[in-house]
Amino acid sequence: MLYQLIILQFTAHLMADFVFQSQKWSDRKSQKIFSLHHMLHGIVVFTTAYLFSLNYGFWKAALVITVLHLLIDSLKSYLLIKYAGRSFLRHLFFADQTIHLVVLILVSTVYVRFHETDFLNNITIKNCALLAGFILCAKPANIIIKNIFIVYHIAIPHSPGPNNSDIYNTNATPDNANSANTNNNDLSLPNAGRIIGLMERFMTLALILSGQYAAVGLIIAAKSILRFNDTQKNEYVLVGTMLSFGIAILTGIVIAQL
């Protein structure tokens, strides 16, 4: 029962921190230690934590999770403002997510110890993990890959325009590298790369769970056909692709073992 609740709360966290939180909200939160966007995000955190608990009595635990979440986010905002430009901030995303995960585990453990959770007997761990896995392979996976690129100083190269000497686009995300412009005349579909990344992870996860490992190799081979004239762009896409497939494959293997 404890594992089911932890996984459900992990799913709630993915929904609150990634799916329901836009980049605009995240940027606004980083500009002030505590703001209206922190409060709005706190409401989302409480709502998802409570709903995904599947228990009407979980509201106190959801409130604790929300308060701690806001404190962690405020601390993160403080560090971003106080130490703007420092290299250690590149690792802040993963430190922040690790602390959130620890909080979810601790609160869930305490709740199960002092409250009855018989309702979880009808929910298998694997079903909970399946839900979490597919949500993880959607928008959260893209953001995780993006932050891995930030940690390792990897940015997508592009041809500089007449008023732009910078050959790297640091605002691009790994998934949309597939449709990144190689020059000003290259008209690619907006967000096409994100859809490609999303579908490849969903397909990979589904194939791993169904035991069709050979088919995963075919998808990777098909993706490898993509080539650019720029060697640096080739390397960028290759790294993003391997990370994308890696997340989906690892998630599928973990779920399959449950």
C-alpha atoms as a PDB file:
ATOM      1  CA  MET A   1       0.000   0.000   0.000  1.00  0.00           C
ATOM      2  CA  LEU A   2       2.866   2.344   0.753  1.00  0.00           C
ATOM      3  CA  TYR A   3       4.401   1.834  -2.675  1.00  0.00           C
ATOM      4  CA  GLN A   4       1.117   2.530  -4.416  1.00  0.00           C
ATOM      5  CA  LEU A   5       0.709   5.796  -2.523  1.00  0.00           C
ATOM      6  CA  ILE A   6       4.296   6.883  -3.221  1.00  0.00           C
ATOM      7  CA  ILE A   7       3.907   6.210  -6.939  1.00  0.00           C
ATOM      8  CA  LEU A   8       0.560   8.017  -7.029  1.00  0.00           C
ATOM      9  CA  GLN A   9       2.101  11.017  -5.284  1.00  0.00           C
ATOM     10  CA  PHE A  10       5.034  10.906  -7.693  1.00  0.00           C
ATOM     11  CA  THR A  11       2.503  11.010 -10.530  1.00  0.00           C
ATOM     12  CA  ALA A  12       0.780  13.966  -8.874  1.00  0.00           C
ATOM     13  CA  HIS A  13       4.139  15.724  -8.657  1.00  0.00           C
ATOM     14  CA  LEU A  14       4.795  15.151 -12.363  1.00  0.00           C
ATOM     15  CA  MET A  15       1.413  16.630 -13.178  1.00  0.00           C
ATOM     16  CA  ALA A  16       1.843  19.664 -10.917  1.00  0.00           C
ATOM     17  CA  ASP A  17       5.490  20.500 -11.598  1.00  0.00           C
ATOM     18  CA  PHE A  18       5.665  19.680 -15.307  1.00  0.00           C
ATOM     19  CA  VAL A  19       2.327  19.184 -17.033  1.00  0.00           C
ATOM     20  CA  PHE A  20       0.276  21.938 -15.348  1.00  0.00           C
ATOM     21  CA  GLN A  21       3.153  24.387 -14.841  1.00  0.00           C
ATOM     22  CA  SER A  22       4.043  26.405 -17.913  1.00  0.00           C
ATOM     23  CA  GLN A  23       7.474  27.796 -18.682  1.00  0.00           C
ATOM     24  CA  LYS A  24       6.042  31.264 -18.111  1.00  0.00           C
ATOM     25  CA  TRP A  25       5.041  30.361 -14.552  1.00  0.00           C
ATOM     26  CA  SER A  26       8.462  28.865 -13.896  1.00  0.00           C
ATOM     27  CA  ASP A  27      10.212  31.991 -15.204  1.00  0.00           C
ATOM     28  CA  ARG A  28       8.014  34.299 -13.125  1.00  0.00           C
ATOM     29  CA  LYS A  29       8.718  32.252  -9.993  1.00  0.00           C
ATOM     30  CA  SER A  30      12.468  32.581 -10.547  1.00  0.00           C
ATOM     31  CA  GLN A  31      12.196  36.396 -10.490  1.00  0.00           C
ATOM     32  CA  LYS A  32      10.881  36.669  -6.920  1.00  0.00           C
ATOM     33  CA  ILE A  33      11.460  34.650  -3.758  1.00  0.00           C
ATOM     34  CA  PHE A  34       7.694  34.398  -3.247  1.00  0.00           C
ATOM     35  CA  SER A  35       5.065  35.589  -5.694  1.00  0.00           C
ATOM     36  CA  LEU A  36       1.512  35.122  -6.903  1.00  0.00           C
ATOM     37  CA  HIS A  37       2.758  32.400  -9.238  1.00  0.00           C
ATOM     38  CA  HIS A  38       4.158  30.509  -6.240  1.00  0.00           C
ATOM     39  CA  MET A  39       0.702  30.629  -4.666  1.00  0.00           C
ATOM     40  CA  LEU A  40      -1.026  29.524  -7.855  1.00  0.00           C
ATOM     41  CA  HIS A  41       1.433  26.685  -8.215  1.00  0.00           C
ATOM     42  CA  GLY A  42       0.798  25.742  -4.577  1.00  0.00           C
ATOM     43  CA  ILE A  43      -2.921  25.397  -5.334  1.00  0.00           C
ATOM     44  CA  VAL A  44      -2.099  23.079  -8.222  1.00  0.00           C
ATOM     45  CA  VAL A  45       0.252  21.024  -6.019  1.00  0.00           C
ATOM     46  CA  PHE A  46      -2.381  20.622  -3.300  1.00  0.00           C
ATOM     47  CA  THR A  47      -5.114  19.695  -5.788  1.00  0.00           C
ATOM     48  CA  THR A  48      -3.069  17.053  -7.607  1.00  0.00           C
ATOM     49  CA  ALA A  49      -1.637  15.582  -4.395  1.00  0.00           C
ATOM     50  CA  TYR A  50      -5.115  15.268  -2.878  1.00  0.00           C
ATOM     51  CA  LEU A  51      -6.822  13.893  -5.997  1.00  0.00           C
ATOM     52  CA  PHE A  52      -4.122  11.334  -6.743  1.00  0.00           C
ATOM     53  CA  SER A  53      -4.197  10.071  -3.159  1.00  0.00           C
ATOM     54  CA  LEU A  54      -7.687   8.654  -3.850  1.00  0.00           C
ATOM     55  CA  ASN A  55      -8.449   9.213  -0.169  1.00  0.00           C
ATOM     56  CA  TYR A  56     -10.696  11.934   1.245  1.00  0.00           C
ATOM     57  CA  GLY A  57      -8.638  11.963   4.463  1.00  0.00           C
ATOM     58  CA  PHE A  58      -5.379  12.759   2.698  1.00  0.00           C
ATOM     59  CA  TRP A  59      -6.003  16.509   2.681  1.00  0.00           C
ATOM     60  CA  LYS A  60      -3.766  17.111   5.717  1.00  0.00           C
ATOM     61  CA  ALA A  61      -0.884  15.244   4.133  1.00  0.00           C
ATOM     62  CA  ALA A  62      -1.531  17.099   0.850  1.00  0.00           C
ATOM     63  CA  LEU A  63      -1.334  20.372   2.763  1.00  0.00           C
ATOM     64  CA  VAL A  64       2.009  19.361   4.280  1.00  0.00           C
ATOM     65  CA  ILE A  65       3.321  18.440   0.828  1.00  0.00           C
ATOM     66  CA  THR A  66       2.136  21.789  -0.529  1.00  0.00           C
ATOM     67  CA  VAL A  67       3.738  23.863   2.239  1.00  0.00           C
ATOM     68  CA  LEU A  68       7.045  22.027   1.909  1.00  0.00           C
ATOM     69  CA  HIS A  69       6.852  22.311  -1.871  1.00  0.00           C
ATOM     70  CA  LEU A  70       6.415  26.074  -1.638  1.00  0.00           C
ATOM     71  CA  LEU A  71       9.313  26.381   0.812  1.00  0.00           C
ATOM     72  CA  ILE A  72      11.572  24.397  -1.521  1.00  0.00           C
ATOM     73  CA  ASP A  73      10.497  26.468  -4.528  1.00  0.00           C
ATOM     74  CA  SER A  74      11.045  29.714  -2.615  1.00  0.00           C
ATOM     75  CA  LEU A  75      14.527  28.556  -1.626  1.00  0.00           C
ATOM     76  CA  LYS A  76      15.210  27.713  -5.255  1.00  0.00           C
ATOM     77  CA  SER A  77      14.035  31.183  -6.315  1.00  0.00           C
ATOM     78  CA  TYR A  78      16.259  32.776  -3.672  1.00  0.00           C
ATOM     79  CA  LEU A  79      19.300  30.882  -4.932  1.00  0.00           C
ATOM     80  CA  LEU A  80      18.541  31.830  -8.541  1.00  0.00           C
ATOM     81  CA  ILE A  81      18.294  35.506  -7.606  1.00  0.00           C
ATOM     82  CA  LYS A  82      21.154  35.606  -5.082  1.00  0.00           C
ATOM     83  CA  TYR A  83      23.662  33.630  -7.130  1.00  0.00           C
ATOM     84  CA  ALA A  84      22.581  34.472 -10.675  1.00  0.00           C
ATOM     85  CA  GLY A  85      25.137  33.307 -13.196  1.00  0.00           C
ATOM     86  CA  ARG A  86      26.932  30.885 -10.857  1.00  0.00           C
ATOM     87  CA  SER A  87      27.846  27.536 -12.377  1.00  0.00           C
ATOM     88  CA  PHE A  88      26.351  25.431  -9.563  1.00  0.00           C
ATOM     89  CA  LEU A  89      22.867  26.638 -10.552  1.00  0.00           C
ATOM     90  CA  ARG A  90      23.051  24.313 -13.538  1.00  0.00           C
ATOM     91  CA  HIS A  91      22.548  21.432 -11.094  1.00  0.00           C
ATOM     92  CA  LEU A  92      19.746  23.137  -9.162  1.00  0.00           C
ATOM     93  CA  PHE A  93      16.945  21.471 -11.136  1.00  0.00           C
ATOM     94  CA  PHE A  94      18.032  17.958 -10.178  1.00  0.00           C
ATOM     95  CA  ALA A  95      18.699  18.923  -6.556  1.00  0.00           C
ATOM     96  CA  ASP A  96      15.252  20.518  -6.382  1.00  0.00           C
ATOM     97  CA  GLN A  97      13.515  17.459  -7.846  1.00  0.00           C
ATOM     98  CA  THR A  98      15.411  15.094  -5.543  1.00  0.00           C
ATOM     99  CA  ILE A  99      14.291  17.020  -2.461  1.00  0.00           C
ATOM    100  CA  HIS A 100      10.682  17.028  -3.684  1.00  0.00           C
ATOM    101  CA  LEU A 101      10.861  13.256  -4.169  1.00  0.00           C
ATOM    102  CA  VAL A 102      12.249  12.739  -0.658  1.00  0.00           C
ATOM    103  CA  VAL A 103       9.401  14.831   0.766  1.00  0.00           C
ATOM    104  CA  LEU A 104       6.807  12.746  -1.080  1.00  0.00           C
ATOM    105  CA  ILE A 105       8.313   9.504   0.226  1.00  0.00           C
ATOM    106  CA  LEU A 106       8.498  10.735   3.831  1.00  0.00           C
ATOM    107  CA  VAL A 107       4.981  12.191   3.921  1.00  0.00           C
ATOM    108  CA  SER A 108       3.502   9.087   2.268  1.00  0.00           C
ATOM    109  CA  THR A 109       5.335   6.815   4.722  1.00  0.00           C
ATOM    110  CA  VAL A 110       4.077   8.730   7.760  1.00  0.00           C
ATOM    111  CA  TYR A 111       0.534   8.832   6.400  1.00  0.00           C
ATOM    112  CA  VAL A 112       0.378   5.080   5.764  1.00  0.00           C
ATOM    113  CA  ARG A 113       1.746   4.391   9.241  1.00  0.00           C
ATOM    114  CA  PHE A 114      -0.935   6.378  11.047  1.00  0.00           C
ATOM    115  CA  HIS A 115      -3.912   6.073   8.695  1.00  0.00           C
ATOM    116  CA  GLU A 116      -5.796   3.224   7.080  1.00  0.00           C
ATOM    117  CA  THR A 117      -5.210   2.882   3.338  1.00  0.00           C
ATOM    118  CA  ASP A 118      -7.298  -0.171   2.514  1.00  0.00           C
ATOM    119  CA  PHE A 119      -8.539   1.567  -0.635  1.00  0.00           C
ATOM    120  CA  LEU A 120      -5.096   0.975  -2.153  1.00  0.00           C
ATOM    121  CA  ASN A 121      -5.523  -2.795  -1.968  1.00  0.00           C
ATOM    122  CA  ASN A 122      -7.584  -2.683  -5.159  1.00  0.00           C
ATOM    123  CA  ILE A 123      -4.864  -0.829  -7.060  1.00  0.00           C
ATOM    124  CA  THR A 124      -1.807  -2.759  -8.219  1.00  0.00           C
ATOM    125  CA  ILE A 125       1.655  -1.268  -8.089  1.00  0.00           C
ATOM    126  CA  LYS A 126       2.098  -1.976 -11.791  1.00  0.00           C
ATOM    127  CA  ASN A 127      -1.014  -0.034 -12.762  1.00  0.00           C
ATOM    128  CA  CYS A 128       0.186   2.930 -10.720  1.00  0.00           C
ATOM    129  CA  ALA A 129       3.616   2.654 -12.334  1.00  0.00           C
ATOM    130  CA  LEU A 130       2.105   2.476 -15.831  1.00  0.00           C
ATOM    131  CA  LEU A 131       0.314   5.770 -15.303  1.00  0.00           C
ATOM    132  CA  ALA A 132       3.434   7.406 -13.869  1.00  0.00           C
ATOM    133  CA  GLY A 133       5.615   5.977 -16.641  1.00  0.00           C
ATOM    134  CA  PHE A 134       3.598   7.350 -19.545  1.00  0.00           C
ATOM    135  CA  ILE A 135       3.273  10.760 -17.880  1.00  0.00           C
ATOM    136  CA  LEU A 136       7.036  10.795 -17.220  1.00  0.00           C
ATOM    137  CA  CYS A 137       7.736  10.045 -20.890  1.00  0.00           C
ATOM    138  CA  ALA A 138       5.655  13.037 -21.986  1.00  0.00           C
ATOM    139  CA  LYS A 139       6.560  16.630 -21.091  1.00  0.00           C
ATOM    140  CA  PRO A 140       8.651  15.781 -17.969  1.00  0.00           C
ATOM    141  CA  ALA A 141      11.124  13.742 -20.047  1.00  0.00           C
ATOM    142  CA  ASN A 142      11.663  16.671 -22.397  1.00  0.00           C
ATOM    143  CA  ILE A 143      12.393  19.020 -19.494  1.00  0.00           C
ATOM    144  CA  ILE A 144      14.727  16.487 -17.863  1.00  0.00           C
ATOM    145  CA  ILE A 145      16.701  16.099 -21.103  1.00  0.00           C
ATOM    146  CA  LYS A 146      16.834  19.877 -21.506  1.00  0.00           C
ATOM    147  CA  ASN A 147      18.358  20.252 -18.040  1.00  0.00           C
ATOM    148  CA  ILE A 148      20.884  17.478 -18.704  1.00  0.00           C
ATOM    149  CA  PHE A 149      21.972  19.510 -21.726  1.00  0.00           C
ATOM    150  CA  ILE A 150      22.277  22.587 -19.499  1.00  0.00           C
ATOM    151  CA  VAL A 151      24.430  20.715 -16.969  1.00  0.00           C
ATOM    152  CA  TYR A 152      26.831  19.564 -19.692  1.00  0.00           C
ATOM    153  CA  HIS A 153      26.841  22.908 -21.553  1.00  0.00           C
ATOM    154  CA  ILE A 154      25.290  21.441 -24.692  1.00  0.00           C
ATOM    155  CA  ALA A 155      23.431  23.888 -26.928  1.00  0.00           C
ATOM    156  CA  ILE A 156      22.033  23.495 -30.421  1.00  0.00           C
ATOM    157  CA  PRO A 157      24.246  25.125 -33.073  1.00  0.00           C
ATOM    158  CA  HIS A 158      22.724  27.216 -35.831  1.00  0.00           C
ATOM    159  CA  SER A 159      23.916  29.407 -38.616  1.00  0.00           C
ATOM    160  CA  PRO A 160      24.374  33.007 -37.419  1.00  0.00           C
ATOM    161  CA  GLY A 161      22.362  35.713 -39.088  1.00  0.00           C
ATOM    162  CA  PRO A 162      23.752  39.087 -40.144  1.00  0.00           C
ATOM    163  CA  ASN A 163      23.016  40.608 -36.736  1.00  0.00           C
ATOM    164  CA  ASN A 164      23.754  37.532 -34.676  1.00  0.00           C
ATOM    165  CA  SER A 165      27.244  36.215 -34.058  1.00  0.00           C
ATOM    166  CA  ASP A 166      26.101  33.538 -31.622  1.00  0.00           C
ATOM    167  CA  ILE A 167      26.073  30.107 -33.313  1.00  0.00           C
ATOM    168  CA  TYR A 168      24.276  28.381 -30.425  1.00  0.00           C
ATOM    169  CA  ASN A 169      20.629  28.470 -29.535  1.00  0.00           C
ATOM    170  CA  THR A 170      20.489  27.976 -25.780  1.00  0.00           C
ATOM    171  CA  ASN A 171      16.707  28.328 -25.676  1.00  0.00           C
ATOM    172  CA  ALA A 172      16.066  25.270 -27.842  1.00  0.00           C
ATOM    173  CA  THR A 173      14.946  22.004 -26.346  1.00  0.00           C
ATOM    174  CA  PRO A 174      16.357  18.604 -27.351  1.00  0.00           C
ATOM    175  CA  ASP A 175      13.078  17.333 -28.780  1.00  0.00           C
ATOM    176  CA  ASN A 176      12.661  20.208 -31.191  1.00  0.00           C
ATOM    177  CA  ALA A 177      16.212  19.772 -32.463  1.00  0.00           C
ATOM    178  CA  ASN A 178      14.703  17.583 -35.156  1.00  0.00           C
ATOM    179  CA  SER A 179      12.933  20.610 -36.600  1.00  0.00           C
ATOM    180  CA  ALA A 180      15.513  23.237 -35.681  1.00  0.00           C
ATOM    181  CA  ASN A 181      16.288  25.736 -38.425  1.00  0.00           C
ATOM    182  CA  THR A 182      19.659  25.262 -40.071  1.00  0.00           C
ATOM    183  CA  ASN A 183      19.378  28.646 -41.784  1.00  0.00           C
ATOM    184  CA  ASN A 184      16.973  31.509 -42.205  1.00  0.00           C
ATOM    185  CA  ASN A 185      15.383  29.911 -45.281  1.00  0.00           C
ATOM    186  CA  ASP A 186      14.673  26.553 -43.615  1.00  0.00           C
ATOM    187  CA  LEU A 187      10.947  26.455 -42.873  1.00  0.00           C
ATOM    188  CA  SER A 188      10.301  23.622 -40.428  1.00  0.00           C
ATOM    189  CA  LEU A 189       7.069  22.658 -38.725  1.00  0.00           C
ATOM    190  CA  PRO A 190       6.634  24.383 -35.337  1.00  0.00           C
ATOM    191  CA  ASN A 191       6.971  21.953 -32.419  1.00  0.00           C
ATOM    192  CA  ALA A 192       7.267  18.997 -34.826  1.00  0.00           C
ATOM    193  CA  GLY A 193      10.363  17.777 -32.984  1.00  0.00           C
ATOM    194  CA  ARG A 194       8.499  17.740 -29.678  1.00  0.00           C
ATOM    195  CA  ILE A 195       5.781  15.564 -31.152  1.00  0.00           C
ATOM    196  CA  ILE A 196       8.420  13.238 -32.621  1.00  0.00           C
ATOM    197  CA  GLY A 197      10.157  12.957 -29.245  1.00  0.00           C
ATOM    198  CA  LEU A 198       6.874  12.338 -27.447  1.00  0.00           C
ATOM    199  CA  MET A 199       5.760   9.634 -29.871  1.00  0.00           C
ATOM    200  CA  GLU A 200       9.131   7.870 -29.917  1.00  0.00           C
ATOM    201  CA  ARG A 201       9.128   7.634 -26.116  1.00  0.00           C
ATOM    202  CA  PHE A 202       5.522   6.419 -25.968  1.00  0.00           C
ATOM    203  CA  MET A 203       6.162   3.837 -28.689  1.00  0.00           C
ATOM    204  CA  THR A 204       9.394   2.690 -27.040  1.00  0.00           C
ATOM    205  CA  LEU A 205       7.759   2.366 -23.617  1.00  0.00           C
ATOM    206  CA  ALA A 206       4.805   0.435 -25.046  1.00  0.00           C
ATOM    207  CA  LEU A 207       7.089  -1.917 -26.997  1.00  0.00           C
ATOM    208  CA  ILE A 208       9.315  -2.559 -23.963  1.00  0.00           C
ATOM    209  CA  LEU A 209       6.272  -3.382 -21.829  1.00  0.00           C
ATOM    210  CA  SER A 210       4.988  -5.788 -24.494  1.00  0.00           C
ATOM    211  CA  GLY A 211       8.389  -7.459 -24.815  1.00  0.00           C
ATOM    212  CA  GLN A 212       9.005  -6.297 -28.405  1.00  0.00           C
ATOM    213  CA  TYR A 213      12.631  -5.307 -27.865  1.00  0.00           C
ATOM    214  CA  ALA A 214      13.636  -5.821 -31.509  1.00  0.00           C
ATOM    215  CA  ALA A 215      11.043  -3.276 -32.615  1.00  0.00           C
ATOM    216  CA  VAL A 216      12.695  -0.674 -30.388  1.00  0.00           C
ATOM    217  CA  GLY A 217      15.886  -1.193 -32.366  1.00  0.00           C
ATOM    218  CA  LEU A 218      13.977  -0.518 -35.590  1.00  0.00           C
ATOM    219  CA  ILE A 219      12.689   2.795 -34.201  1.00  0.00           C
ATOM    220  CA  ILE A 220      16.197   3.834 -33.194  1.00  0.00           C
ATOM    221  CA  ALA A 221      17.494   2.841 -36.635  1.00  0.00           C
ATOM    222  CA  ALA A 222      14.737   4.853 -38.319  1.00  0.00           C
ATOM    223  CA  LYS A 223      15.576   7.879 -36.188  1.00  0.00           C
ATOM    224  CA  SER A 224      19.268   7.556 -37.093  1.00  0.00           C
ATOM    225  CA  ILE A 225      18.402   8.221 -40.747  1.00  0.00           C
ATOM    226  CA  LEU A 226      17.989  11.877 -39.813  1.00  0.00           C
ATOM    227  CA  ARG A 227      21.115  13.797 -40.779  1.00  0.00           C
ATOM    228  CA  PHE A 228      22.212  17.417 -40.966  1.00  0.00           C
ATOM    229  CA  ASN A 229      25.046  18.960 -42.928  1.00  0.00           C
ATOM    230  CA  ASP A 230      26.348  20.393 -39.667  1.00  0.00           C
ATOM    231  CA  THR A 231      28.369  17.878 -37.632  1.00  0.00           C
ATOM    232  CA  GLN A 232      27.641  19.706 -34.377  1.00  0.00           C
ATOM    233  CA  LYS A 233      23.908  19.526 -35.048  1.00  0.00           C
ATOM    234  CA  ASN A 234      24.214  15.808 -35.796  1.00  0.00           C
ATOM    235  CA  GLU A 235      25.883  15.301 -32.420  1.00  0.00           C
ATOM    236  CA  TYR A 236      23.234  17.394 -30.672  1.00  0.00           C
ATOM    237  CA  VAL A 237      20.377  15.382 -32.161  1.00  0.00           C
ATOM    238  CA  LEU A 238      22.171  12.090 -31.431  1.00  0.00           C
ATOM    239  CA  VAL A 239      22.662  12.943 -27.753  1.00  0.00           C
ATOM    240  CA  GLY A 240      19.052  14.075 -27.403  1.00  0.00           C
ATOM    241  CA  THR A 241      17.809  10.946 -29.150  1.00  0.00           C
ATOM    242  CA  MET A 242      19.848   8.596 -26.958  1.00  0.00           C
ATOM    243  CA  LEU A 243      18.656  10.352 -23.798  1.00  0.00           C
ATOM    244  CA  SER A 244      15.054  10.251 -25.010  1.00  0.00           C
ATOM    245  CA  PHE A 245      15.180   6.537 -25.805  1.00  0.00           C
ATOM    246  CA  GLY A 246      17.145   5.884 -22.625  1.00  0.00           C
ATOM    247  CA  ILE A 247      14.461   7.395 -20.401  1.00  0.00           C
ATOM    248  CA  ALA A 248      11.711   5.411 -22.131  1.00  0.00           C
ATOM    249  CA  ILE A 249      13.674   2.146 -22.094  1.00  0.00           C
ATOM    250  CA  LEU A 250      14.702   2.482 -18.452  1.00  0.00           C
ATOM    251  CA  THR A 251      11.148   3.356 -17.443  1.00  0.00           C
ATOM    252  CA  GLY A 252       9.791   0.370 -19.335  1.00  0.00           C
ATOM    253  CA  ILE A 253      12.294  -2.034 -17.774  1.00  0.00           C
ATOM    254  CA  VAL A 254      11.497  -0.821 -14.246  1.00  0.00           C
ATOM    255  CA  ILE A 255       7.728  -1.156 -14.803  1.00  0.00           C
ATOM    256  CA  ALA A 256       8.146  -4.596 -16.405  1.00  0.00           C
ATOM    257  CA  GLN A 257       9.955  -5.845 -13.285  1.00  0.00           C
ATOM    258  CA  LEU A 258       7.093  -4.909 -10.952  1.00  0.00           C
END
